[in-house]
Amino acid sequence: MRAIVQRVKNASVSIDGQMKGQIDKGLLIYLGITHDDTQDDADYLVRKILGMRIFNDENAVMNLSIEDTDGEILLISQFTLYAQTRKGNRPSYVAAARPEVALPLYNYVISQLSRNLPAQVRSRQAGRNKPIATGTFGADMQVASTNDGPVTIIVDSVSK
């Protein structure tokens, strides 16, 4: 399982011109799933992402995690993270998991991110009607974001 994690000032996802999800300050996460990924891979990624200290503290040092801030999360399924580009000019996506494998794991990641956010973050988000925002699995989505920093980090469960 592979994730591209971006610290953003804001991000949104639209489908067919309709806003599906949007966040203010927080994390935009692109999630790719391959054939042999399991819930253990998802748990690893969730722990790493929620604990990653990439937000500035009062001294402008990246020392705070999403758990320490009032940040929000936008999660986007992204099968192209497993593109193979060794041969020719047309990427191959055979390493990306088929929907019957990927969709349950994508939904599991959503539930684990929601469940593992600290209670104070969940209550702040619930109070503002801001659960974890998502795109729609398999849809043609338009994602807009303002990267903050910029900070963009790749997390791969292979490296656990």
Protein backbone atom coordinates (compact mmCIF):
# COMPACT_ATOMS: atom_id res chain seq x y z
CA MET A 1 0.00 0.00 0.00
CA ARG A 2 1.35 3.36 -0.97
CA ALA A 3 0.33 6.88 0.01
CA ILE A 4 1.34 10.32 -1.15
CA VAL A 5 0.75 12.64 1.80
CA GLN A 6 0.61 16.39 1.22
CA ARG A 7 0.33 19.05 3.89
CA VAL A 8 -2.22 21.47 2.46
CA LYS A 9 -3.79 24.82 3.24
CA ASN A 10 -6.93 23.53 1.51
CA ALA A 11 -8.01 20.79 -0.87
CA SER A 12 -11.15 19.68 -2.62
CA VAL A 13 -12.42 16.95 -4.91
CA SER A 14 -15.19 17.29 -7.48
CA ILE A 15 -16.94 14.70 -9.62
CA ASP A 16 -18.92 15.78 -12.69
CA GLY A 17 -18.71 19.39 -11.53
CA GLN A 18 -20.19 18.58 -8.10
CA MET A 19 -18.13 19.12 -4.94
CA LYS A 20 -17.69 15.75 -3.23
CA GLY A 21 -15.35 16.72 -0.42
CA GLN A 22 -13.24 19.60 0.79
CA ILE A 23 -10.95 20.45 3.67
CA ASP A 24 -9.12 23.42 5.06
CA LYS A 25 -5.70 22.99 6.71
CA GLY A 26 -4.71 19.35 6.90
CA LEU A 27 -3.61 16.38 4.84
CA LEU A 28 -4.45 15.44 1.27
CA ILE A 29 -3.74 11.72 0.95
CA TYR A 30 -3.58 9.83 -2.33
CA LEU A 31 -3.86 6.09 -1.62
CA GLY A 32 -2.72 3.30 -3.94
CA ILE A 33 -3.44 -0.36 -3.23
CA THR A 34 -1.71 -3.35 -4.78
CA HIS A 35 -2.77 -7.02 -5.03
CA ASP A 36 -1.13 -8.38 -1.90
CA ASP A 37 -2.03 -5.54 0.47
CA THR A 38 -3.82 -6.46 3.68
CA GLN A 39 -5.40 -4.73 6.65
CA ASP A 40 -1.96 -4.91 8.31
CA ASP A 41 -0.61 -2.69 5.51
CA ALA A 42 -3.51 -0.29 6.03
CA ASP A 43 -2.95 -0.20 9.80
CA TYR A 44 0.74 0.59 9.25
CA LEU A 45 -0.05 3.46 6.87
CA VAL A 46 -2.72 4.90 9.15
CA ARG A 47 -0.34 4.86 12.15
CA LYS A 48 2.46 6.47 10.12
CA ILE A 49 0.25 9.14 8.60
CA LEU A 50 -1.54 10.14 11.81
CA GLY A 51 1.74 10.27 13.74
CA MET A 52 3.81 12.01 11.07
CA ARG A 53 5.18 15.29 12.48
CA ILE A 54 4.93 17.58 9.46
CA PHE A 55 3.00 20.57 10.88
CA ASN A 56 4.80 23.57 12.30
CA ASP A 57 4.90 24.25 16.02
CA GLU A 58 5.06 27.71 17.58
CA ASN A 59 8.76 27.93 16.58
CA ALA A 60 8.04 27.14 12.90
CA VAL A 61 9.60 23.68 13.28
CA MET A 62 7.83 20.67 11.78
CA ASN A 63 7.14 19.03 15.10
CA LEU A 64 3.35 18.48 15.18
CA SER A 65 1.22 15.73 13.69
CA ILE A 66 -2.34 15.91 12.38
CA GLU A 67 -3.23 14.51 15.81
CA ASP A 68 -1.76 17.65 17.43
CA THR A 69 -3.51 20.15 15.18
CA ASP A 70 -6.99 21.08 14.14
CA GLY A 71 -6.26 19.60 10.72
CA GLU A 72 -8.58 17.72 8.42
CA ILE A 73 -8.06 14.83 6.00
CA LEU A 74 -9.06 14.36 2.36
CA LEU A 75 -8.45 10.79 1.13
CA ILE A 76 -8.41 10.02 -2.60
CA SER A 77 -8.09 6.53 -4.13
CA GLN A 78 -5.26 6.59 -6.68
CA PHE A 79 -4.52 3.36 -8.58
CA THR A 80 -1.94 5.17 -10.73
CA LEU A 81 0.48 5.17 -7.76
CA TYR A 82 1.28 1.62 -8.89
CA ALA A 83 2.01 2.56 -12.50
CA GLN A 84 4.89 0.66 -14.06
CA THR A 85 6.87 2.78 -16.50
CA ARG A 86 9.89 0.63 -17.34
CA LYS A 87 8.80 -0.24 -20.89
CA GLY A 88 7.53 2.13 -23.53
CA ASN A 89 5.63 5.33 -22.96
CA ARG A 90 2.29 3.96 -21.83
CA PRO A 91 2.20 3.12 -18.10
CA SER A 92 0.98 -0.30 -17.06
CA TYR A 93 -1.33 -0.58 -14.08
CA VAL A 94 -1.19 -4.36 -13.59
CA ALA A 95 0.34 -3.87 -10.13
CA ALA A 96 -2.74 -1.96 -8.93
CA ALA A 97 -5.28 -4.07 -7.09
CA ARG A 98 -8.57 -4.86 -8.81
CA PRO A 99 -11.64 -3.15 -7.29
CA GLU A 100 -12.79 -6.29 -5.45
CA VAL A 101 -9.53 -6.16 -3.44
CA ALA A 102 -8.93 -2.40 -3.37
CA LEU A 103 -12.38 -1.08 -2.45
CA PRO A 104 -12.72 -2.96 0.86
CA LEU A 105 -9.20 -1.87 1.83
CA TYR A 106 -9.91 1.73 0.83
CA ASN A 107 -13.04 1.69 3.01
CA TYR A 108 -11.03 0.10 5.81
CA VAL A 109 -8.47 2.92 5.65
CA ILE A 110 -11.29 5.48 5.88
CA SER A 111 -12.70 3.74 8.96
CA GLN A 112 -9.27 3.41 10.60
CA LEU A 113 -8.37 7.06 9.98
CA SER A 114 -11.71 8.05 11.52
CA ARG A 115 -11.38 5.71 14.45
CA ASN A 116 -7.77 6.51 15.25
CA LEU A 117 -7.94 10.29 15.20
CA PRO A 118 -7.77 11.46 18.81
CA ALA A 119 -11.13 12.12 20.42
CA GLN A 120 -10.57 15.89 20.57
CA VAL A 121 -9.90 16.03 16.81
CA ARG A 122 -12.95 13.86 16.06
CA SER A 123 -15.17 16.04 18.24
CA ARG A 124 -13.87 19.24 16.63
CA GLN A 125 -14.51 17.76 13.20
CA ALA A 126 -17.93 16.41 14.15
CA GLY A 127 -18.86 19.78 15.64
CA ARG A 128 -18.09 21.38 12.31
CA ASN A 129 -19.59 18.52 10.30
CA LYS A 130 -16.13 17.76 8.91
CA PRO A 131 -15.59 14.00 8.88
CA ILE A 132 -12.76 12.61 6.81
CA ALA A 133 -13.49 13.83 3.31
CA THR A 134 -13.13 11.42 0.40
CA GLY A 135 -13.52 11.13 -3.30
CA THR A 136 -15.47 8.28 -4.86
CA PHE A 137 -13.58 5.07 -5.51
CA GLY A 138 -13.10 4.51 -9.23
CA ALA A 139 -14.60 7.84 -10.29
CA ASP A 140 -13.03 10.40 -12.61
CA MET A 141 -12.21 13.08 -10.05
CA GLN A 142 -10.86 16.60 -10.22
CA VAL A 143 -8.67 17.37 -7.22
CA ALA A 144 -7.56 20.90 -6.34
CA SER A 145 -5.17 21.77 -3.54
CA THR A 146 -2.85 24.40 -2.16
CA ASN A 147 0.23 22.55 -0.94
CA ASP A 148 1.62 24.07 2.25
CA GLY A 149 5.39 24.27 2.36
CA PRO A 150 5.38 22.44 0.00
CA VAL A 151 5.42 19.25 2.04
CA THR A 152 4.87 16.02 0.09
CA ILE A 153 5.87 12.64 1.54
CA ILE A 154 5.63 9.11 0.16
CA VAL A 155 4.74 6.36 2.64
CA ASP A 156 4.88 2.73 1.50
CA SER A 157 3.93 -0.28 3.61
CA VAL A 158 6.71 -2.27 1.92
CA SER A 159 9.14 -0.27 4.09
CA LYS A 160 7.50 -1.30 7.36
